All heavy atoms as atom14 arrays in JSON, in Angstrom:
{
  "sequence": "QLIQVVSSKIGRQIKAITDTLNDKESLQFRALASKMLFPLSQQ",
  "atom14_mask": [
    [1, 1, 1, 1, 1, 1, 1, 1, 1, 0, 0, 0, 0, 0],
    [1, 1, 1, 1, 1, 1, 1, 1, 0, 0, 0, 0, 0, 0],
    [1, 1, 1, 1, 1, 1, 1, 1, 0, 0, 0, 0, 0, 0],
    [1, 1, 1, 1, 1, 1, 1, 1, 1, 0, 0, 0, 0, 0],
    [1, 1, 1, 1, 1, 1, 1, 0, 0, 0, 0, 0, 0, 0],
    [1, 1, 1, 1, 1, 1, 1, 0, 0, 0, 0, 0, 0, 0],
    [1, 1, 1, 1, 1, 1, 0, 0, 0, 0, 0, 0, 0, 0],
    [1, 1, 1, 1, 1, 1, 0, 0, 0, 0, 0, 0, 0, 0],
    [1, 1, 1, 1, 1, 1, 1, 1, 1, 0, 0, 0, 0, 0],
    [1, 1, 1, 1, 1, 1, 1, 1, 0, 0, 0, 0, 0, 0],
    [1, 1, 1, 1, 0, 0, 0, 0, 0, 0, 0, 0, 0, 0],
    [1, 1, 1, 1, 1, 1, 1, 1, 1, 1, 1, 0, 0, 0],
    [1, 1, 1, 1, 1, 1, 1, 1, 1, 0, 0, 0, 0, 0],
    [1, 1, 1, 1, 1, 1, 1, 1, 0, 0, 0, 0, 0, 0],
    [1, 1, 1, 1, 1, 1, 1, 1, 1, 0, 0, 0, 0, 0],
    [1, 1, 1, 1, 1, 0, 0, 0, 0, 0, 0, 0, 0, 0],
    [1, 1, 1, 1, 1, 1, 1, 1, 0, 0, 0, 0, 0, 0],
    [1, 1, 1, 1, 1, 1, 1, 0, 0, 0, 0, 0, 0, 0],
    [1, 1, 1, 1, 1, 1, 1, 1, 0, 0, 0, 0, 0, 0],
    [1, 1, 1, 1, 1, 1, 1, 0, 0, 0, 0, 0, 0, 0],
    [1, 1, 1, 1, 1, 1, 1, 1, 0, 0, 0, 0, 0, 0],
    [1, 1, 1, 1, 1, 1, 1, 1, 0, 0, 0, 0, 0, 0],
    [1, 1, 1, 1, 1, 1, 1, 1, 0, 0, 0, 0, 0, 0],
    [1, 1, 1, 1, 1, 1, 1, 1, 1, 0, 0, 0, 0, 0],
    [1, 1, 1, 1, 1, 1, 1, 1, 1, 0, 0, 0, 0, 0],
    [1, 1, 1, 1, 1, 1, 0, 0, 0, 0, 0, 0, 0, 0],
    [1, 1, 1, 1, 1, 1, 1, 1, 0, 0, 0, 0, 0, 0],
    [1, 1, 1, 1, 1, 1, 1, 1, 1, 0, 0, 0, 0, 0],
    [1, 1, 1, 1, 1, 1, 1, 1, 1, 1, 1, 0, 0, 0],
    [1, 1, 1, 1, 1, 1, 1, 1, 1, 1, 1, 0, 0, 0],
    [1, 1, 1, 1, 1, 0, 0, 0, 0, 0, 0, 0, 0, 0],
    [1, 1, 1, 1, 1, 1, 1, 1, 0, 0, 0, 0, 0, 0],
    [1, 1, 1, 1, 1, 0, 0, 0, 0, 0, 0, 0, 0, 0],
    [1, 1, 1, 1, 1, 1, 0, 0, 0, 0, 0, 0, 0, 0],
    [1, 1, 1, 1, 1, 1, 1, 1, 1, 0, 0, 0, 0, 0],
    [1, 1, 1, 1, 1, 1, 1, 1, 0, 0, 0, 0, 0, 0],
    [1, 1, 1, 1, 1, 1, 1, 1, 0, 0, 0, 0, 0, 0],
    [1, 1, 1, 1, 1, 1, 1, 1, 1, 1, 1, 0, 0, 0],
    [1, 1, 1, 1, 1, 1, 1, 0, 0, 0, 0, 0, 0, 0],
    [1, 1, 1, 1, 1, 1, 1, 1, 0, 0, 0, 0, 0, 0],
    [1, 1, 1, 1, 1, 1, 0, 0, 0, 0, 0, 0, 0, 0],
    [1, 1, 1, 1, 1, 1, 1, 1, 1, 0, 0, 0, 0, 0],
    [1, 1, 1, 1, 1, 1, 1, 1, 1, 0, 0, 0, 0, 0]
  ],
  "atom14_positions": [
    [[209.11, -2.82, -19.75], [210.23, -3.54, -20.38], [209.87, -3.94, -21.81], [210.67, -3.77, -22.73], [210.61, -4.78, -19.57], [211.3, -4.47, -18.27], [211.57, -5.73, -17.45], [210.95, -6.77, -17.63], [212.5, -5.61, -16.52], [0.0, 0.0, 0.0], [0.0, 0.0, 0.0], [0.0, 0.0, 0.0], [0.0, 0.0, 0.0], [0.0, 0.0, 0.0]],
    [[208.66, -4.45, -21.99], [208.21, -4.84, -23.33], [208.14, -3.63, -24.24], [208.57, -3.67, -25.39], [206.85, -5.54, -23.25], [206.27, -5.97, -24.6], [207.14, -7.02, -25.27], [204.85, -6.48, -24.43], [0.0, 0.0, 0.0], [0.0, 0.0, 0.0], [0.0, 0.0, 0.0], [0.0, 0.0, 0.0], [0.0, 0.0, 0.0], [0.0, 0.0, 0.0]],
    [[207.59, -2.53, -23.73], [207.5, -1.3, -24.52], [208.88, -0.86, -24.98], [209.08, -0.48, -26.13], [206.81, -0.17, -23.72], [205.33, -0.48, -23.53], [207.0, 1.18, -24.38], [204.61, 0.41, -22.53], [0.0, 0.0, 0.0], [0.0, 0.0, 0.0], [0.0, 0.0, 0.0], [0.0, 0.0, 0.0], [0.0, 0.0, 0.0], [0.0, 0.0, 0.0]],
    [[209.86, -0.92, -24.09], [211.21, -0.49, -24.43], [211.79, -1.36, -25.55], [212.36, -0.85, -26.52], [212.1, -0.54, -23.19], [213.47, 0.03, -23.42], [214.28, 0.09, -22.12], [213.96, -0.54, -21.13], [215.33, 0.86, -22.15], [0.0, 0.0, 0.0], [0.0, 0.0, 0.0], [0.0, 0.0, 0.0], [0.0, 0.0, 0.0], [0.0, 0.0, 0.0]],
    [[211.63, -2.67, -25.44], [212.16, -3.59, -26.45], [211.47, -3.38, -27.8], [212.13, -3.23, -28.84], [212.02, -5.06, -25.98], [212.33, -6.03, -27.11], [212.92, -5.33, -24.79], [0.0, 0.0, 0.0], [0.0, 0.0, 0.0], [0.0, 0.0, 0.0], [0.0, 0.0, 0.0], [0.0, 0.0, 0.0], [0.0, 0.0, 0.0], [0.0, 0.0, 0.0]],
    [[210.14, -3.35, -27.77], [209.38, -3.2, -29.01], [209.63, -1.84, -29.65], [209.86, -1.74, -30.86], [207.87, -3.44, -28.74], [207.02, -3.04, -29.94], [207.63, -4.9, -28.38], [0.0, 0.0, 0.0], [0.0, 0.0, 0.0], [0.0, 0.0, 0.0], [0.0, 0.0, 0.0], [0.0, 0.0, 0.0], [0.0, 0.0, 0.0], [0.0, 0.0, 0.0]],
    [[209.64, -0.78, -28.84], [209.89, 0.57, -29.37], [211.27, 0.67, -30.0], [211.43, 1.29, -31.06], [209.78, 1.61, -28.26], [208.47, 1.69, -27.78], [0.0, 0.0, 0.0], [0.0, 0.0, 0.0], [0.0, 0.0, 0.0], [0.0, 0.0, 0.0], [0.0, 0.0, 0.0], [0.0, 0.0, 0.0], [0.0, 0.0, 0.0], [0.0, 0.0, 0.0]],
    [[212.24, 0.05, -29.37], [213.6, 0.09, -29.9], [213.68, -0.61, -31.26], [214.28, -0.1, -32.2], [214.55, -0.57, -28.89], [215.85, -0.59, -29.38], [0.0, 0.0, 0.0], [0.0, 0.0, 0.0], [0.0, 0.0, 0.0], [0.0, 0.0, 0.0], [0.0, 0.0, 0.0], [0.0, 0.0, 0.0], [0.0, 0.0, 0.0], [0.0, 0.0, 0.0]],
    [[213.06, -1.77, -31.36], [213.08, -2.51, -32.63], [212.34, -1.74, -33.72], [212.82, -1.65, -34.85], [212.45, -3.9, -32.45], [213.34, -4.86, -31.73], [212.72, -6.24, -31.67], [213.66, -7.21, -30.98], [213.1, -8.58, -30.97], [0.0, 0.0, 0.0], [0.0, 0.0, 0.0], [0.0, 0.0, 0.0], [0.0, 0.0, 0.0], [0.0, 0.0, 0.0]],
    [[211.19, -1.2, -33.38], [210.43, -0.42, -34.36], [211.24, 0.8, -34.77], [211.36, 1.12, -35.96], [209.05, -0.01, -33.8], [208.15, -1.24, -33.66], [208.4, 1.05, -34.68], [206.86, -0.99, -32.88], [0.0, 0.0, 0.0], [0.0, 0.0, 0.0], [0.0, 0.0, 0.0], [0.0, 0.0, 0.0], [0.0, 0.0, 0.0], [0.0, 0.0, 0.0]],
    [[211.82, 1.49, -33.79], [212.63, 2.68, -34.08], [213.79, 2.39, -35.01], [214.05, 3.17, -35.95], [0.0, 0.0, 0.0], [0.0, 0.0, 0.0], [0.0, 0.0, 0.0], [0.0, 0.0, 0.0], [0.0, 0.0, 0.0], [0.0, 0.0, 0.0], [0.0, 0.0, 0.0], [0.0, 0.0, 0.0], [0.0, 0.0, 0.0], [0.0, 0.0, 0.0]],
    [[214.49, 1.28, -34.79], [215.62, 0.92, -35.67], [215.15, 0.67, -37.1], [215.8, 1.08, -38.06], [216.35, -0.29, -35.12], [217.28, 0.01, -33.96], [218.24, -1.13, -33.66], [217.57, -2.39, -33.37], [217.14, -2.78, -32.17], [217.28, -1.99, -31.12], [216.54, -3.95, -32.02], [0.0, 0.0, 0.0], [0.0, 0.0, 0.0], [0.0, 0.0, 0.0]],
    [[214.01, 0.0, -37.24], [213.53, -0.3, -38.58], [212.99, 0.94, -39.29], [213.19, 1.1, -40.49], [212.48, -1.41, -38.51], [213.1, -2.74, -38.11], [212.14, -3.9, -38.16], [211.25, -3.94, -39.0], [212.32, -4.85, -37.27], [0.0, 0.0, 0.0], [0.0, 0.0, 0.0], [0.0, 0.0, 0.0], [0.0, 0.0, 0.0], [0.0, 0.0, 0.0]],
    [[212.36, 1.81, -38.55], [211.9, 3.08, -39.15], [213.1, 3.94, -39.53], [213.14, 4.56, -40.6], [210.96, 3.85, -38.19], [209.7, 3.05, -37.89], [210.64, 5.24, -38.72], [208.75, 2.87, -39.05], [0.0, 0.0, 0.0], [0.0, 0.0, 0.0], [0.0, 0.0, 0.0], [0.0, 0.0, 0.0], [0.0, 0.0, 0.0], [0.0, 0.0, 0.0]],
    [[214.12, 3.94, -38.66], [215.34, 4.72, -38.94], [216.01, 4.23, -40.23], [216.51, 5.03, -41.02], [216.31, 4.64, -37.78], [217.52, 5.55, -37.95], [218.39, 5.53, -36.71], [219.6, 6.43, -36.79], [220.21, 6.64, -38.07], [0.0, 0.0, 0.0], [0.0, 0.0, 0.0], [0.0, 0.0, 0.0], [0.0, 0.0, 0.0], [0.0, 0.0, 0.0]],
    [[215.98, 2.93, -40.46], [216.56, 2.39, -41.69], [215.85, 2.95, -42.92], [216.49, 3.19, -43.95], [216.49, 0.86, -41.67], [0.0, 0.0, 0.0], [0.0, 0.0, 0.0], [0.0, 0.0, 0.0], [0.0, 0.0, 0.0], [0.0, 0.0, 0.0], [0.0, 0.0, 0.0], [0.0, 0.0, 0.0], [0.0, 0.0, 0.0], [0.0, 0.0, 0.0]],
    [[214.59, 3.2, -42.81], [213.82, 3.78, -43.92], [214.18, 5.26, -44.08], [214.43, 5.75, -45.18], [212.3, 3.64, -43.68], [211.9, 2.19, -43.64], [211.51, 4.39, -44.74], [210.49, 1.97, -43.09], [0.0, 0.0, 0.0], [0.0, 0.0, 0.0], [0.0, 0.0, 0.0], [0.0, 0.0, 0.0], [0.0, 0.0, 0.0], [0.0, 0.0, 0.0]],
    [[214.19, 5.99, -42.98], [214.42, 7.43, -43.05], [215.88, 7.79, -43.25], [216.18, 8.94, -43.59], [213.88, 8.14, -41.79], [214.55, 7.61, -40.64], [212.39, 7.96, -41.65], [0.0, 0.0, 0.0], [0.0, 0.0, 0.0], [0.0, 0.0, 0.0], [0.0, 0.0, 0.0], [0.0, 0.0, 0.0], [0.0, 0.0, 0.0], [0.0, 0.0, 0.0]],
    [[216.78, 6.84, -43.06], [218.2, 7.11, -43.31], [218.5, 7.4, -44.78], [219.59, 7.89, -45.11], [219.08, 5.95, -42.83], [219.4, 6.04, -41.35], [219.12, 7.09, -40.73], [219.95, 5.05, -40.81], [0.0, 0.0, 0.0], [0.0, 0.0, 0.0], [0.0, 0.0, 0.0], [0.0, 0.0, 0.0], [0.0, 0.0, 0.0], [0.0, 0.0, 0.0]],
    [[217.54, 7.13, -45.66], [217.73, 7.46, -47.07], [217.62, 8.96, -47.32], [217.98, 9.45, -48.38], [216.71, 6.72, -47.95], [215.39, 7.12, -47.55], [216.86, 5.21, -47.82], [0.0, 0.0, 0.0], [0.0, 0.0, 0.0], [0.0, 0.0, 0.0], [0.0, 0.0, 0.0], [0.0, 0.0, 0.0], [0.0, 0.0, 0.0], [0.0, 0.0, 0.0]],
    [[217.12, 9.7, -46.31], [216.97, 11.15, -46.43], [218.21, 11.85, -45.87], [218.75, 11.41, -44.86], [215.74, 11.61, -45.65], [214.4, 10.98, -46.0], [213.32, 11.45, -45.04], [214.02, 11.27, -47.43], [0.0, 0.0, 0.0], [0.0, 0.0, 0.0], [0.0, 0.0, 0.0], [0.0, 0.0, 0.0], [0.0, 0.0, 0.0], [0.0, 0.0, 0.0]],
    [[218.6, 12.95, -46.51], [219.67, 13.75, -45.91], [219.07, 14.6, -44.79], [217.87, 14.57, -44.55], [220.39, 14.61, -46.98], [219.48, 15.66, -47.61], [218.64, 16.26, -46.96], [219.68, 15.89, -48.91], [0.0, 0.0, 0.0], [0.0, 0.0, 0.0], [0.0, 0.0, 0.0], [0.0, 0.0, 0.0], [0.0, 0.0, 0.0], [0.0, 0.0, 0.0]],
    [[219.92, 15.34, -44.08], [219.45, 16.1, -42.91], [218.33, 17.08, -43.26], [217.32, 17.18, -42.54], [220.61, 16.86, -42.26], [221.58, 15.94, -41.56], [221.22, 14.77, -41.3], [222.7, 16.39, -41.26], [0.0, 0.0, 0.0], [0.0, 0.0, 0.0], [0.0, 0.0, 0.0], [0.0, 0.0, 0.0], [0.0, 0.0, 0.0], [0.0, 0.0, 0.0]],
    [[218.48, 17.81, -44.37], [217.47, 18.78, -44.77], [216.15, 18.09, -45.11], [215.08, 18.52, -44.69], [217.97, 19.6, -45.96], [217.0, 20.66, -46.41], [217.54, 21.46, -47.58], [216.51, 22.49, -48.04], [216.95, 23.2, -49.24], [0.0, 0.0, 0.0], [0.0, 0.0, 0.0], [0.0, 0.0, 0.0], [0.0, 0.0, 0.0], [0.0, 0.0, 0.0]],
    [[216.25, 16.99, -45.87], [215.05, 16.25, -46.25], [214.36, 15.66, -45.01], [213.13, 15.64, -44.92], [215.4, 15.12, -47.22], [215.82, 15.6, -48.58], [216.45, 14.49, -49.42], [217.01, 13.52, -48.84], [216.37, 14.6, -50.66], [0.0, 0.0, 0.0], [0.0, 0.0, 0.0], [0.0, 0.0, 0.0], [0.0, 0.0, 0.0], [0.0, 0.0, 0.0]],
    [[215.15, 15.18, -44.07], [214.61, 14.61, -42.85], [213.81, 15.65, -42.06], [212.7, 15.38, -41.59], [215.73, 14.03, -41.98], [215.22, 13.45, -40.81], [0.0, 0.0, 0.0], [0.0, 0.0, 0.0], [0.0, 0.0, 0.0], [0.0, 0.0, 0.0], [0.0, 0.0, 0.0], [0.0, 0.0, 0.0], [0.0, 0.0, 0.0], [0.0, 0.0, 0.0]],
    [[214.36, 16.85, -41.92], [213.65, 17.93, -41.23], [212.37, 18.3, -41.97], [211.33, 18.51, -41.34], [214.55, 19.15, -41.09], [215.68, 19.05, -40.06], [216.62, 20.24, -40.17], [215.11, 18.95, -38.66], [0.0, 0.0, 0.0], [0.0, 0.0, 0.0], [0.0, 0.0, 0.0], [0.0, 0.0, 0.0], [0.0, 0.0, 0.0], [0.0, 0.0, 0.0]],
    [[212.45, 18.38, -43.29], [211.27, 18.7, -44.08], [210.2, 17.62, -43.93], [209.02, 17.93, -43.77], [211.64, 18.85, -45.56], [212.44, 20.08, -45.89], [212.92, 20.08, -47.33], [213.24, 19.01, -47.9], [212.99, 21.26, -47.92], [0.0, 0.0, 0.0], [0.0, 0.0, 0.0], [0.0, 0.0, 0.0], [0.0, 0.0, 0.0], [0.0, 0.0, 0.0]],
    [[210.63, 16.37, -43.98], [209.69, 15.26, -43.87], [208.96, 15.3, -42.53], [207.74, 15.18, -42.47], [210.41, 13.92, -44.05], [209.5, 12.74, -43.9], [208.62, 12.39, -44.92], [209.49, 11.98, -42.75], [207.77, 11.31, -44.79], [208.64, 10.9, -42.6], [207.77, 10.56, -43.63], [0.0, 0.0, 0.0], [0.0, 0.0, 0.0], [0.0, 0.0, 0.0]],
    [[209.71, 15.49, -41.44], [209.1, 15.55, -40.11], [208.13, 16.73, -40.0], [207.05, 16.61, -39.43], [210.16, 15.63, -39.03], [210.77, 14.26, -38.76], [211.73, 14.33, -37.62], [213.05, 14.45, -38.24], [214.15, 14.74, -37.59], [214.13, 14.97, -36.31], [215.29, 14.8, -38.22], [0.0, 0.0, 0.0], [0.0, 0.0, 0.0], [0.0, 0.0, 0.0]],
    [[208.53, 17.87, -40.56], [207.66, 19.05, -40.5], [206.38, 18.81, -41.3], [205.27, 19.14, -40.83], [208.4, 20.27, -41.03], [0.0, 0.0, 0.0], [0.0, 0.0, 0.0], [0.0, 0.0, 0.0], [0.0, 0.0, 0.0], [0.0, 0.0, 0.0], [0.0, 0.0, 0.0], [0.0, 0.0, 0.0], [0.0, 0.0, 0.0], [0.0, 0.0, 0.0]],
    [[206.51, 18.23, -42.48], [205.32, 17.96, -43.3], [204.43, 16.9, -42.66], [203.2, 17.03, -42.66], [205.74, 17.53, -44.71], [206.4, 18.62, -45.55], [206.98, 18.03, -46.83], [205.4, 19.72, -45.86], [0.0, 0.0, 0.0], [0.0, 0.0, 0.0], [0.0, 0.0, 0.0], [0.0, 0.0, 0.0], [0.0, 0.0, 0.0], [0.0, 0.0, 0.0]],
    [[205.03, 15.85, -42.11], [204.24, 14.81, -41.45], [203.49, 15.39, -40.25], [202.31, 15.11, -40.06], [205.14, 13.65, -41.01], [0.0, 0.0, 0.0], [0.0, 0.0, 0.0], [0.0, 0.0, 0.0], [0.0, 0.0, 0.0], [0.0, 0.0, 0.0], [0.0, 0.0, 0.0], [0.0, 0.0, 0.0], [0.0, 0.0, 0.0], [0.0, 0.0, 0.0]],
    [[204.16, 16.23, -39.48], [203.5, 16.87, -38.33], [202.36, 17.76, -38.8], [201.29, 17.79, -38.18], [204.5, 17.7, -37.53], [205.43, 16.86, -36.9], [0.0, 0.0, 0.0], [0.0, 0.0, 0.0], [0.0, 0.0, 0.0], [0.0, 0.0, 0.0], [0.0, 0.0, 0.0], [0.0, 0.0, 0.0], [0.0, 0.0, 0.0], [0.0, 0.0, 0.0]],
    [[202.57, 18.47, -39.87], [201.53, 19.34, -40.39], [200.31, 18.53, -40.84], [199.17, 18.93, -40.61], [202.07, 20.17, -41.56], [201.11, 21.21, -42.07], [201.76, 22.09, -43.11], [200.81, 23.19, -43.55], [201.44, 24.11, -44.5], [0.0, 0.0, 0.0], [0.0, 0.0, 0.0], [0.0, 0.0, 0.0], [0.0, 0.0, 0.0], [0.0, 0.0, 0.0]],
    [[200.54, 17.37, -41.43], [199.43, 16.52, -41.86], [198.73, 15.87, -40.66], [197.51, 15.72, -40.66], [199.91, 15.43, -42.82], [200.27, 15.95, -44.18], [200.69, 14.63, -45.34], [202.29, 14.14, -44.75], [0.0, 0.0, 0.0], [0.0, 0.0, 0.0], [0.0, 0.0, 0.0], [0.0, 0.0, 0.0], [0.0, 0.0, 0.0], [0.0, 0.0, 0.0]],
    [[199.48, 15.51, -39.64], [198.92, 14.84, -38.48], [198.21, 15.79, -37.53], [197.24, 15.42, -36.88], [200.0, 14.09, -37.72], [200.59, 12.88, -38.42], [201.81, 12.36, -37.68], [199.54, 11.79, -38.56], [0.0, 0.0, 0.0], [0.0, 0.0, 0.0], [0.0, 0.0, 0.0], [0.0, 0.0, 0.0], [0.0, 0.0, 0.0], [0.0, 0.0, 0.0]],
    [[198.69, 16.99, -37.45], [198.16, 17.96, -36.48], [197.81, 19.27, -37.18], [198.37, 20.31, -36.85], [199.18, 18.2, -35.37], [199.67, 16.92, -34.74], [200.94, 16.46, -34.99], [198.83, 16.19, -33.91], [201.38, 15.27, -34.41], [199.26, 15.01, -33.33], [200.54, 14.55, -33.58], [0.0, 0.0, 0.0], [0.0, 0.0, 0.0], [0.0, 0.0, 0.0]],
    [[196.85, 19.24, -38.1], [196.55, 20.46, -38.87], [196.04, 21.62, -38.02], [196.32, 22.76, -38.34], [195.47, 20.01, -39.87], [194.9, 18.76, -39.3], [195.99, 18.13, -38.47], [0.0, 0.0, 0.0], [0.0, 0.0, 0.0], [0.0, 0.0, 0.0], [0.0, 0.0, 0.0], [0.0, 0.0, 0.0], [0.0, 0.0, 0.0], [0.0, 0.0, 0.0]],
    [[195.33, 21.35, -36.95], [194.81, 22.45, -36.13], [195.9, 23.2, -35.39], [195.8, 24.39, -35.15], [193.76, 21.93, -35.15], [192.52, 21.32, -35.79], [191.59, 20.77, -34.72], [191.81, 22.33, -36.66], [0.0, 0.0, 0.0], [0.0, 0.0, 0.0], [0.0, 0.0, 0.0], [0.0, 0.0, 0.0], [0.0, 0.0, 0.0], [0.0, 0.0, 0.0]],
    [[196.98, 22.5, -35.03], [198.06, 23.16, -34.29], [198.89, 24.06, -35.21], [199.66, 24.86, -34.73], [198.96, 22.12, -33.63], [199.64, 21.36, -34.61], [0.0, 0.0, 0.0], [0.0, 0.0, 0.0], [0.0, 0.0, 0.0], [0.0, 0.0, 0.0], [0.0, 0.0, 0.0], [0.0, 0.0, 0.0], [0.0, 0.0, 0.0], [0.0, 0.0, 0.0]],
    [[198.71, 23.93, -36.51], [199.48, 24.72, -37.47], [198.8, 26.05, -37.8], [199.35, 26.87, -38.49], [199.7, 23.92, -38.76], [200.43, 22.61, -38.55], [201.84, 22.82, -38.05], [202.56, 23.69, -38.51], [202.25, 22.02, -37.07], [0.0, 0.0, 0.0], [0.0, 0.0, 0.0], [0.0, 0.0, 0.0], [0.0, 0.0, 0.0], [0.0, 0.0, 0.0]],
    [[197.57, 26.23, -37.33], [196.82, 27.44, -37.72], [197.11, 28.58, -36.78], [197.42, 28.49, -35.67], [195.33, 27.12, -37.75], [195.01, 26.12, -38.82], [193.54, 25.72, -38.82], [192.75, 26.18, -37.99], [193.15, 24.89, -39.75], [0.0, 0.0, 0.0], [0.0, 0.0, 0.0], [0.0, 0.0, 0.0], [0.0, 0.0, 0.0], [0.0, 0.0, 0.0]]
  ]
}
């Protein structure tokens, strides 16, 4: 229950930040972030 509440609040606040990106930028951002976080899976 706590995880659900906290995750929801964090998600809403992160979404407020990423809402400044259009759809194309959002996809690019997620792809680039994933590439930086998981470099071995990209090879």
